[in-house]
Every structure is written in structure tokens, then in C-alpha cells.
Amino acid sequence: MSDAIRTSKELVVDPYSIPLDGNFNVAQSHLFEQNAHWAYFERLRKEAPVHFCEESEFGPYWSITRFEDIMQVDTNHKVFSSEGGITLGDQDEDFTLPMFIAMDPPKHDDQRKVVSPVVAPINLVKLESTIRARAANLLDALPVGEEIDWVDRISIELTTQMLATLFDFPFEQRRKLTRWSDVATANLEQGIIESEDQRREELIECLTTFTEIFKERQQTPGDNDLITMLAHGETTKDMLERPMEFLGNLILLIVGGNDTTRNSISGGILALNQHPDEYQKLRENPGLIASMVPEIIRWQTPLAHMRRRALEDTVIGGKTIKKGDKVVMWYVSGNRDESAIETPDKFIIDRAKPRQHLSFGFGIHRCMGNRLAEMQLRIVWEEILKRFDTVEVVGAPAYIRSPFVKGYAHLPVVLHKK
């Protein structure tokens, strides 16, 4: 391996040429934008699976990179707290957005309980026909034999339509939901926002819009949508009195409903193109969609990390983590851990244990919408296989510049009919 790979942007240095000291930093946005992070995590898993980075733009933090160690942190909320935020970056003290994923029990449990019925099995059955009809309409409208951007035409549009349904949001304004999701998770390097002031302004617009919807649902409840549930939930019906907490939970639900599905829809296309034997296997046996869906979510890992803070001194992997330290669970690394998953770098649509992955997290913060995400992916692939022999990737994907949202800005494809 060469010492460095020259790109049009930052220099990506061979991680094996860097001392494994406090300056070894895997949380660099350009590594993810250039899809160059894999070797960094491989080295940490091999040589320093619990590693302390002393200096980064996010301050000092511990990296947890092996599957079992991540599980140990994720399932122990009494020692590893979510209070204060779930990403590497700390919230702006002047614009703090409390949300139930960044809370500990009992408040976390009370608020999650209010909205979780929207993704209960009985509601998923009701949603399936809507998702299928919308997926079919979108796919039928695509040109065959012409280059299109799969991210914009399918991945974003389908998930945005689903979000609008879950919130019972004005359908013609649905792209606002995508915008607010992108604004909430973007760092200033991505070019989505130019300043923190712009982020605040756009998220306040989100708050203002949903405040009016909340008031309407208080008077005229909708049909089991998320805002109706919040407006009438015993622990959330007064949430307008805590506007930043209301906004925080809105952003959580918007981002949670957007990024996992959106980036997995694109990631599945890329994975099959990079593993043509698996694509052929799928064509010959569409029944493999059921096991392929969780494999897509593992292989993609739509959110690269979640972080916690230690509430007391504790030992993980032989290293002493001090009270107050920031602890980052790198799901993107744990999902490629050779000690837990056989041939983890290969995309295998008929794995024996396809749900053995970390993408949805574990413990009390396990992704509430995991079954909805899987259902959307299943339906999309059922409808793709009815119409197209191949969704061919015809150019390099453009990856998002972020160590948190692991996804795609663009993915050029050409569709070929059956």
C-alpha cells in the first residue's frame, strides 16, 4: 500500500504509516467522502480496538471498533449515557435540541412509548400497500436506457413520501422534510449550509411549521400519525411548552425515517453492482430478497457511529475509560469485524445470519423503525425485479462528507428492462 492516495481534495494517508497514538483520528470527514475509512478501522480492530484519540475537531474521544465491545457499550445505558447527544459533535450550547434518543430512562422510555405505535406490526400492514403503490409509480416513471441519479429519483423521493405519510405532512411540501434532515445532520464542510446561523434559521422554520400542525392535531386528531400521537400522548401533549425539545424530537424522527432507508436503497444498488454474482443469484431467485435486505443494511451501515458518555470509570477491552469521557461506537467498523461476522467485506445475499449486524443499535436505543426500514427495502426490490433486469451503476458514487451519516449524494445508473 502506498503512503498516500492523491485526490482532488485532501490527501488520504495510509493508516499503517501513522503512529497509533493520540493523534490517530478516524473521525475525519474526508475519509468518508473518499470511501477511504475502511483501512483505518481495520487497523484499529487489529491493533487498538479500544483507542483514545486525544485531538480532533470534536475534542478527545474513545473509539470502540469491535462488534462485541460495541455491544457491551450499547446495552449498558447505566454506565454509558446518551444525555447531551449521540454524535461526535457536541450541540451548540445556545441551540440545544433535546430528543428522546439522547435521553436516559425514565424520560427516554416515556417519550419513545408515545410514538412507537406508528411502527407497530398492525400499522406496518396498513402502510405496505401505500409504500408499494408509491414505489411502483416512481419506478414506472423512470426512463430506460438513460442515465439518471438514483439517489434523487428513487432513494430520496421514496423515503420523503414515506415521511410525509408518517407525519401526515402536506404532500406537495414533502421535500422540506428532506431539506430539514440534511440541514440537521450536515457539517459546514459539506456545503449544505454556510453557517450555524443558517442551520438555526432553517430548523426554526421546521419548528414553526410543525407547531401549527401540532395545534391543528390537538383540535382535530389525524389517523394515527406521529404528530397526532405527540399531541395526545400523556407525556408529550404539553411539548409546545418545551419548543426545543419538540424540535429535537421532530429532527430525530425525520432523520431516523430518512437516512437509514434512503442510503440503504442506494447502497443496495451499489453492492449488487460490485458483486455481480450476487446480482445474478437474486435474479434467479427473487425469494432471496428477505435475507438480502438486512445484508444491505449491514453492508451499508447508514449511520457510521453513535456516541455515549461514561457515567463512571469503567474498563472496556482492557482500557480504563474515565467518567465523563466521550465514547464512540463505530457501527461501520463493528459490521466489518472478522471476529464476529464471517467474510464481512463480502456482500452475500443469502447469509446464514443476515440480521447479525449493528446498524440499528441495541439496548434501549435500538432503532424504533427498523421493521419499517426493512419493509420499504423489501418492497422496493420486489418492484425493481418485476420491471428491470439490471440497475447498472455507470459512474463513481458521490459519498457524503460526514463521519456520521454514511451515504450518497449521487449515484449515476442506467436501467435495463427485463
Protein backbone atom coordinates (compact mmCIF):
# COMPACT_ATOMS: atom_id res chain seq x y z
CA MET A 1 0.00 0.00 0.00
CA SER A 2 1.36 3.41 -0.92
CA ASP A 3 1.90 6.03 1.75
CA ALA A 4 -0.80 8.26 0.32
CA ILE A 5 -3.50 8.45 -2.32
CA ARG A 6 -3.67 11.83 -4.01
CA THR A 7 -7.19 13.12 -4.71
CA SER A 8 -8.55 16.44 -5.86
CA LYS A 9 -9.24 17.24 -2.20
CA GLU A 10 -7.40 16.18 0.94
CA LEU A 11 -4.55 13.74 0.98
CA VAL A 12 -5.57 10.34 2.32
CA VAL A 13 -2.65 8.91 4.24
CA ASP A 14 -2.02 5.19 4.61
CA PRO A 15 -3.22 4.50 8.19
CA TYR A 16 -0.46 1.93 8.70
CA SER A 17 2.10 4.71 8.26
CA ILE A 18 0.63 6.78 11.13
CA PRO A 19 1.66 6.16 14.75
CA LEU A 20 -1.16 4.66 16.81
CA ASP A 21 -1.06 7.46 19.35
CA GLY A 22 -3.44 10.19 20.45
CA ASN A 23 -3.34 11.80 17.02
CA PHE A 24 -4.71 8.76 15.16
CA ASN A 25 -8.14 10.09 14.19
CA VAL A 26 -10.75 8.08 12.27
CA ALA A 27 -13.41 10.81 12.54
CA GLN A 28 -12.17 12.83 9.57
CA SER A 29 -14.95 13.74 7.15
CA HIS A 30 -12.81 13.45 4.04
CA LEU A 31 -12.07 9.79 4.78
CA PHE A 32 -15.76 9.01 4.43
CA GLU A 33 -16.25 11.29 1.42
CA GLN A 34 -13.48 9.38 -0.37
CA ASN A 35 -14.61 5.96 0.95
CA ALA A 36 -11.12 5.64 2.46
CA HIS A 37 -12.04 4.91 6.06
CA TRP A 38 -12.00 1.10 5.84
CA ALA A 39 -8.27 0.58 6.38
CA TYR A 40 -8.29 2.96 9.36
CA PHE A 41 -10.90 0.85 11.14
CA GLU A 42 -9.23 -2.38 10.07
CA ARG A 43 -6.04 -1.26 11.81
CA LEU A 44 -7.87 -0.23 14.97
CA ARG A 45 -9.72 -3.57 15.16
CA LYS A 46 -6.42 -5.42 14.81
CA GLU A 47 -4.13 -3.31 16.99
CA ALA A 48 -6.18 -0.98 19.20
CA PRO A 49 -9.87 -1.94 19.30
CA VAL A 50 -10.43 0.46 22.19
CA HIS A 51 -8.47 3.55 21.19
CA PHE A 52 -8.18 7.04 22.66
CA CYS A 53 -7.84 9.97 20.28
CA GLU A 54 -6.57 13.00 22.18
CA GLU A 55 -7.02 15.63 19.49
CA SER A 56 -9.75 16.04 16.89
CA GLU A 57 -12.19 18.70 15.75
CA PHE A 58 -14.65 17.04 18.14
CA GLY A 59 -12.28 17.00 21.08
CA PRO A 60 -10.90 13.82 22.70
CA TYR A 61 -12.86 10.59 22.28
CA TRP A 62 -12.62 6.81 22.60
CA SER A 63 -13.16 4.64 19.51
CA ILE A 64 -14.85 1.26 20.06
CA THR A 65 -14.41 -0.72 16.86
CA ARG A 66 -15.09 -4.43 17.53
CA PHE A 67 -18.56 -5.98 17.45
CA GLU A 68 -18.60 -7.43 20.98
CA ASP A 69 -17.15 -4.30 22.61
CA ILE A 70 -19.75 -2.15 20.85
CA MET A 71 -22.49 -4.45 22.13
CA GLN A 72 -21.09 -4.08 25.66
CA VAL A 73 -21.36 -0.29 25.46
CA ASP A 74 -24.68 -0.16 23.60
CA THR A 75 -26.52 -2.42 26.03
CA ASN A 76 -25.29 -0.73 29.22
CA HIS A 77 -27.09 2.63 29.45
CA LYS A 78 -26.48 2.77 33.20
CA VAL A 79 -22.76 3.27 32.59
CA PHE A 80 -22.80 4.79 29.09
CA SER A 81 -25.23 7.70 28.88
CA SER A 82 -26.89 9.23 25.84
CA GLU A 83 -27.65 12.50 27.61
CA GLY A 84 -26.34 15.50 25.71
CA GLY A 85 -26.13 14.00 22.23
CA ILE A 86 -25.50 10.86 20.18
CA THR A 87 -22.98 12.17 17.64
CA LEU A 88 -19.31 13.02 17.96
CA GLY A 89 -20.01 16.72 17.71
CA ASP A 90 -21.34 18.50 20.78
CA GLN A 91 -24.51 20.55 20.43
CA ASP A 92 -24.34 24.32 20.26
CA GLU A 93 -24.94 25.48 23.85
CA ASP A 94 -27.12 28.30 22.52
CA PHE A 95 -29.20 25.93 20.37
CA THR A 96 -29.59 22.66 22.25
CA LEU A 97 -32.15 20.20 20.92
CA PRO A 98 -33.17 17.56 23.48
CA MET A 99 -34.55 14.37 21.91
CA PHE A 100 -35.52 11.05 23.41
CA ILE A 101 -32.67 9.12 21.74
CA ALA A 102 -30.34 11.49 23.64
CA MET A 103 -32.06 10.88 26.96
CA ASP A 104 -31.73 8.23 29.63
CA PRO A 105 -34.62 6.46 31.38
CA PRO A 106 -37.22 7.18 32.57
CA LYS A 107 -37.82 10.19 30.27
CA HIS A 108 -36.48 8.31 27.25
CA ASP A 109 -38.84 5.40 27.84
CA ASP A 110 -41.89 7.61 28.35
CA GLN A 111 -41.39 9.61 25.14
CA ARG A 112 -40.41 6.65 22.95
CA LYS A 113 -43.50 4.77 24.12
CA VAL A 114 -45.75 7.54 22.78
CA VAL A 115 -44.60 7.35 19.14
CA SER A 116 -43.60 3.69 18.82
CA PRO A 117 -47.15 2.51 17.91
CA VAL A 118 -46.81 4.16 14.49
CA VAL A 119 -44.40 1.35 13.51
CA ALA A 120 -46.24 -1.44 15.33
CA PRO A 121 -46.93 -4.55 13.18
CA ILE A 122 -50.62 -3.68 12.71
CA ASN A 123 -49.69 -0.28 11.25
CA LEU A 124 -46.94 -1.71 9.04
CA VAL A 125 -49.57 -3.93 7.41
CA LYS A 126 -51.65 -0.84 6.68
CA LEU A 127 -48.64 1.03 5.25
CA GLU A 128 -47.48 -1.74 2.92
CA SER A 129 -49.98 -1.08 0.13
CA THR A 130 -49.19 2.66 0.21
CA ILE A 131 -45.44 2.06 0.00
CA ARG A 132 -45.86 -0.44 -2.83
CA ALA A 133 -48.09 1.86 -4.87
CA ARG A 134 -45.67 4.76 -4.50
CA ALA A 135 -42.63 2.64 -5.32
CA ALA A 136 -44.40 1.28 -8.41
CA ASN A 137 -45.35 4.79 -9.59
CA LEU A 138 -41.81 6.09 -9.14
CA LEU A 139 -40.21 3.15 -10.92
CA ASP A 140 -42.70 3.24 -13.80
CA ALA A 141 -41.85 6.89 -14.39
CA LEU A 142 -38.12 6.24 -14.85
CA PRO A 143 -36.59 6.31 -18.34
CA VAL A 144 -34.98 3.10 -19.59
CA GLY A 145 -31.55 3.27 -21.18
CA GLU A 146 -30.82 6.82 -20.00
CA GLU A 147 -28.51 7.89 -17.19
CA ILE A 148 -30.33 9.10 -14.08
CA ASP A 149 -29.36 9.91 -10.50
CA TRP A 150 -30.76 7.02 -8.44
CA VAL A 151 -30.29 8.97 -5.18
CA ASP A 152 -32.56 11.82 -6.23
CA ARG A 153 -35.12 9.96 -8.34
CA ILE A 154 -35.72 6.97 -6.07
CA SER A 155 -33.85 6.95 -2.74
CA ILE A 156 -34.75 10.48 -1.66
CA GLU A 157 -38.18 10.66 -3.25
CA LEU A 158 -39.46 7.35 -1.90
CA THR A 159 -38.29 7.97 1.67
CA THR A 160 -39.60 11.54 1.57
CA GLN A 161 -43.02 10.31 0.50
CA MET A 162 -42.97 7.83 3.37
CA LEU A 163 -42.01 10.55 5.86
CA ALA A 164 -44.86 12.73 4.65
CA THR A 165 -47.22 9.80 5.26
CA LEU A 166 -45.91 9.11 8.78
CA PHE A 167 -46.30 12.77 9.77
CA ASP A 168 -49.40 13.36 7.65
CA PHE A 169 -47.40 16.30 6.30
CA PRO A 170 -48.63 18.33 3.28
CA PHE A 171 -47.58 16.07 0.43
CA GLU A 172 -46.74 18.84 -2.02
CA GLN A 173 -44.25 20.27 0.51
CA ARG A 174 -42.61 16.91 1.32
CA ARG A 175 -39.13 17.90 0.10
CA LYS A 176 -38.95 20.27 3.07
CA LEU A 177 -38.61 17.16 5.23
CA THR A 178 -35.57 16.04 3.24
CA ARG A 179 -34.06 19.50 3.49
CA TRP A 180 -34.55 19.70 7.26
CA SER A 181 -32.99 16.26 7.66
CA ASP A 182 -29.95 17.29 5.62
CA VAL A 183 -29.61 20.61 7.45
CA ALA A 184 -29.82 18.94 10.85
CA THR A 185 -27.05 16.42 10.16
CA ALA A 186 -24.75 18.45 7.88
CA ASN A 187 -21.37 19.75 8.92
CA LEU A 188 -20.13 23.03 7.49
CA GLU A 189 -17.69 21.21 5.19
CA GLN A 190 -20.49 19.66 3.14
CA GLY A 191 -21.76 22.89 1.60
CA ILE A 192 -25.39 22.19 2.55
CA ILE A 193 -25.36 25.11 4.97
CA GLU A 194 -22.96 28.04 5.10
CA SER A 195 -23.14 28.78 8.83
CA GLU A 196 -24.59 27.69 12.15
CA ASP A 197 -26.88 30.72 11.94
CA GLN A 198 -28.35 29.33 8.72
CA ARG A 199 -28.85 25.94 10.39
CA ARG A 200 -30.75 27.58 13.26
CA GLU A 201 -32.91 29.65 10.91
CA GLU A 202 -33.94 26.64 8.82
CA LEU A 203 -34.61 24.42 11.83
CA ILE A 204 -36.68 27.16 13.44
CA GLU A 205 -38.75 27.15 10.23
CA CYS A 206 -39.21 23.40 10.82
CA LEU A 207 -40.33 24.10 14.39
CA THR A 208 -42.75 26.85 13.31
CA THR A 209 -44.29 24.62 10.62
CA PHE A 210 -44.80 21.67 12.93
CA THR A 211 -46.04 23.84 15.80
CA GLU A 212 -49.00 24.83 13.64
CA ILE A 213 -49.58 21.20 12.65
CA PHE A 214 -49.38 20.16 16.32
CA LYS A 215 -52.01 22.74 17.27
CA GLU A 216 -54.26 21.53 14.46
CA ARG A 217 -53.92 17.90 15.56
CA GLN A 218 -54.75 18.88 19.13
CA GLN A 219 -58.11 20.11 17.86
CA THR A 220 -58.62 17.59 15.03
CA PRO A 221 -56.62 14.39 15.52
CA GLY A 222 -55.31 12.67 12.42
CA ASP A 223 -55.30 8.96 11.67
CA ASN A 224 -52.50 7.55 13.81
CA ASP A 225 -49.76 9.86 12.54
CA LEU A 226 -46.72 10.84 14.59
CA ILE A 227 -47.85 14.41 15.34
CA THR A 228 -51.27 13.25 16.50
CA MET A 229 -49.55 10.78 18.82
CA LEU A 230 -47.33 13.50 20.28
CA ALA A 231 -50.24 15.94 20.60
CA HIS A 232 -52.31 13.47 22.60
CA GLY A 233 -49.63 11.45 24.42
CA GLU A 234 -49.76 11.83 28.20
CA THR A 235 -46.07 12.73 28.49
CA THR A 236 -45.82 14.76 25.27
CA LYS A 237 -49.13 16.67 24.90
CA ASP A 238 -47.57 19.75 26.55
CA MET A 239 -44.44 19.61 24.40
CA LEU A 240 -45.12 23.01 22.81
CA GLU A 241 -44.22 24.42 26.21
CA ARG A 242 -40.73 22.99 25.59
CA PRO A 243 -40.16 24.05 21.96
CA MET A 244 -36.52 22.98 21.70
CA GLU A 245 -37.42 19.50 22.97
CA PHE A 246 -40.28 19.37 20.45
CA LEU A 247 -37.89 20.36 17.66
CA GLY A 248 -35.29 17.86 18.87
CA ASN A 249 -37.75 15.01 18.70
CA LEU A 250 -39.02 16.13 15.30
CA ILE A 251 -35.46 16.10 13.95
CA LEU A 252 -34.88 12.67 15.47
CA LEU A 253 -37.99 11.25 13.78
CA ILE A 254 -37.26 12.97 10.45
CA VAL A 255 -33.60 11.89 10.32
CA GLY A 256 -34.42 8.41 11.62
CA GLY A 257 -37.07 7.95 8.95
CA ASN A 258 -34.85 9.37 6.22
CA ASP A 259 -31.22 8.31 6.40
CA THR A 260 -31.40 4.57 7.09
CA THR A 261 -33.77 3.81 4.23
CA ARG A 262 -32.54 6.45 1.82
CA ASN A 263 -28.90 5.39 1.93
CA SER A 264 -29.66 1.67 2.07
CA ILE A 265 -31.75 1.93 -1.11
CA SER A 266 -28.71 3.41 -2.86
CA GLY A 267 -26.24 1.13 -1.08
CA GLY A 268 -28.06 -1.99 -2.23
CA ILE A 269 -27.77 -0.95 -5.87
CA LEU A 270 -24.05 -0.28 -5.48
CA ALA A 271 -23.42 -3.52 -3.58
CA LEU A 272 -25.08 -5.66 -6.24
CA ASN A 273 -23.14 -3.93 -9.00
CA GLN A 274 -19.90 -4.55 -7.11
CA HIS A 275 -20.91 -8.20 -6.57
CA PRO A 276 -22.39 -9.26 -9.94
CA ASP A 277 -22.57 -12.95 -8.96
CA GLU A 278 -24.91 -11.98 -6.12
CA TYR A 279 -27.00 -9.89 -8.52
CA GLN A 280 -27.36 -12.91 -10.79
CA LYS A 281 -28.27 -15.06 -7.80
CA LEU A 282 -31.01 -12.55 -6.95
CA ARG A 283 -32.40 -12.53 -10.50
CA GLU A 284 -32.60 -16.31 -10.46
CA ASN A 285 -34.22 -16.41 -7.03
CA PRO A 286 -36.17 -13.27 -6.01
CA GLY A 287 -37.12 -15.12 -2.82
CA LEU A 288 -33.69 -14.10 -1.51
CA ILE A 289 -34.88 -10.51 -1.08
CA ALA A 290 -35.88 -11.29 2.50
CA SER A 291 -32.33 -12.20 3.52
CA MET A 292 -30.74 -9.61 1.21
CA VAL A 293 -32.44 -6.67 2.94
CA PRO A 294 -30.66 -6.99 6.32
CA GLU A 295 -27.43 -7.76 4.44
CA ILE A 296 -27.81 -4.43 2.60
CA ILE A 297 -28.31 -2.63 5.91
CA ARG A 298 -25.22 -4.31 7.41
CA TRP A 299 -23.07 -3.72 4.34
CA GLN A 300 -24.15 -0.08 4.04
CA THR A 301 -24.33 0.86 7.76
CA PRO A 302 -26.27 4.12 7.10
CA LEU A 303 -25.15 5.78 10.35
CA ALA A 304 -21.44 5.27 10.93
CA HIS A 305 -21.45 5.83 14.67
CA MET A 306 -23.30 6.61 17.87
CA ARG A 307 -21.64 8.09 20.93
CA ARG A 308 -22.11 7.92 24.67
CA ARG A 309 -20.53 9.48 27.79
CA ALA A 310 -19.18 7.35 30.62
CA LEU A 311 -21.02 7.95 33.89
CA GLU A 312 -18.27 6.29 35.91
CA ASP A 313 -14.78 4.89 35.47
CA THR A 314 -15.07 1.60 33.61
CA VAL A 315 -12.94 -0.91 31.70
CA ILE A 316 -13.58 -1.97 28.09
CA GLY A 317 -11.13 -4.17 26.23
CA GLY A 318 -8.55 -3.76 28.97
CA LYS A 319 -8.60 0.05 28.73
CA THR A 320 -9.81 2.30 31.54
CA ILE A 321 -12.37 4.83 30.36
CA LYS A 322 -12.75 7.72 32.79
CA LYS A 323 -16.01 9.23 34.00
CA GLY A 324 -17.09 11.96 31.58
CA ASP A 325 -15.13 10.59 28.60
CA LYS A 326 -16.78 10.57 25.18
CA VAL A 327 -17.16 7.00 23.86
CA VAL A 328 -17.88 6.41 20.15
CA MET A 329 -19.34 3.12 18.95
CA TRP A 330 -18.26 2.76 15.33
CA TYR A 331 -21.06 0.62 13.88
CA VAL A 332 -19.40 0.90 10.48
CA SER A 333 -16.39 -0.96 11.91
CA GLY A 334 -18.29 -3.49 14.01
CA ASN A 335 -20.25 -4.53 10.92
CA ARG A 336 -16.95 -5.46 9.25
CA ASP A 337 -15.47 -7.25 12.29
CA GLU A 338 -13.96 -10.55 11.14
CA SER A 339 -14.15 -11.97 14.66
CA ALA A 340 -17.95 -11.66 14.71
CA ILE A 341 -19.06 -11.90 11.07
CA GLU A 342 -17.71 -14.37 8.52
CA THR A 343 -16.16 -12.72 5.43
CA PRO A 344 -17.64 -9.35 6.46
CA ASP A 345 -16.30 -7.39 3.48
CA LYS A 346 -18.26 -9.57 1.08
CA PHE A 347 -21.86 -8.79 0.19
CA ILE A 348 -23.68 -12.13 0.44
CA ILE A 349 -27.45 -12.05 -0.08
CA ASP A 350 -28.10 -15.48 1.43
CA ARG A 351 -26.02 -15.23 4.61
CA ALA A 352 -26.84 -17.76 7.31
CA LYS A 353 -27.33 -14.97 9.91
CA PRO A 354 -28.20 -11.82 7.93
CA ARG A 355 -29.51 -9.93 10.96
CA GLN A 356 -26.23 -10.22 12.84
CA HIS A 357 -25.34 -6.56 12.44
CA LEU A 358 -25.16 -3.34 14.44
CA SER A 359 -26.82 -0.87 12.09
CA PHE A 360 -29.96 -0.49 14.20
CA GLY A 361 -28.10 -0.44 17.52
CA PHE A 362 -29.02 -2.47 20.58
CA GLY A 363 -30.42 -1.94 24.03
CA ILE A 364 -32.98 0.72 24.90
CA HIS A 365 -31.98 2.88 21.93
CA ARG A 366 -32.38 0.20 19.24
CA CYS A 367 -33.89 1.84 16.16
CA MET A 368 -37.63 2.13 16.61
CA GLY A 369 -38.32 1.96 12.86
CA ASN A 370 -36.12 -1.00 11.95
CA ARG A 371 -39.01 -3.13 10.65
CA LEU A 372 -40.39 -0.22 8.62
CA ALA A 373 -36.97 0.32 7.03
CA GLU A 374 -36.71 -3.37 6.18
CA MET A 375 -40.23 -3.40 4.74
CA GLN A 376 -39.53 -0.41 2.49
CA LEU A 377 -36.36 -2.02 1.16
CA ARG A 378 -38.13 -5.34 0.57
CA ILE A 379 -40.95 -3.69 -1.36
CA VAL A 380 -38.58 -1.57 -3.46
CA TRP A 381 -36.62 -4.64 -4.51
CA GLU A 382 -39.74 -6.67 -5.24
CA GLU A 383 -40.91 -3.90 -7.54
CA ILE A 384 -37.47 -3.42 -9.15
CA LEU A 385 -37.21 -7.09 -10.05
CA LYS A 386 -40.67 -7.03 -11.67
CA ARG A 387 -39.55 -4.33 -14.08
CA PHE A 388 -35.82 -4.34 -14.66
CA ASP A 389 -33.17 -6.91 -15.47
CA THR A 390 -30.42 -4.62 -14.18
CA VAL A 391 -29.99 -1.27 -12.47
CA GLU A 392 -26.49 -0.61 -13.76
CA VAL A 393 -24.16 1.79 -11.96
CA VAL A 394 -22.42 3.75 -14.72
CA GLY A 395 -20.17 6.08 -12.74
CA ALA A 396 -18.47 6.60 -9.42
CA PRO A 397 -20.80 7.28 -6.50
CA ALA A 398 -20.51 10.61 -4.72
CA TYR A 399 -20.28 9.89 -0.99
CA ILE A 400 -21.49 12.23 1.75
CA ARG A 401 -18.76 14.14 3.54
CA SER A 402 -19.58 13.08 7.08
CA PRO A 403 -18.31 10.68 9.76
CA PHE A 404 -21.93 10.27 10.97
CA VAL A 405 -24.34 9.89 8.04
CA LYS A 406 -22.75 7.29 5.77
CA GLY A 407 -24.45 7.70 2.47
CA TYR A 408 -24.57 9.03 -1.07
CA ALA A 409 -25.05 12.42 -2.64
CA HIS A 410 -25.32 10.97 -6.16
CA LEU A 411 -25.32 7.54 -7.81
CA PRO A 412 -25.50 7.50 -11.64
CA VAL A 413 -27.35 4.49 -13.07
CA VAL A 414 -28.92 3.21 -16.28
CA LEU A 415 -31.97 0.95 -16.17
CA HIS A 416 -32.25 -2.10 -18.41
CA LYS A 417 -35.62 -3.78 -18.99
CA LYS A 418 -36.25 -7.47 -18.42
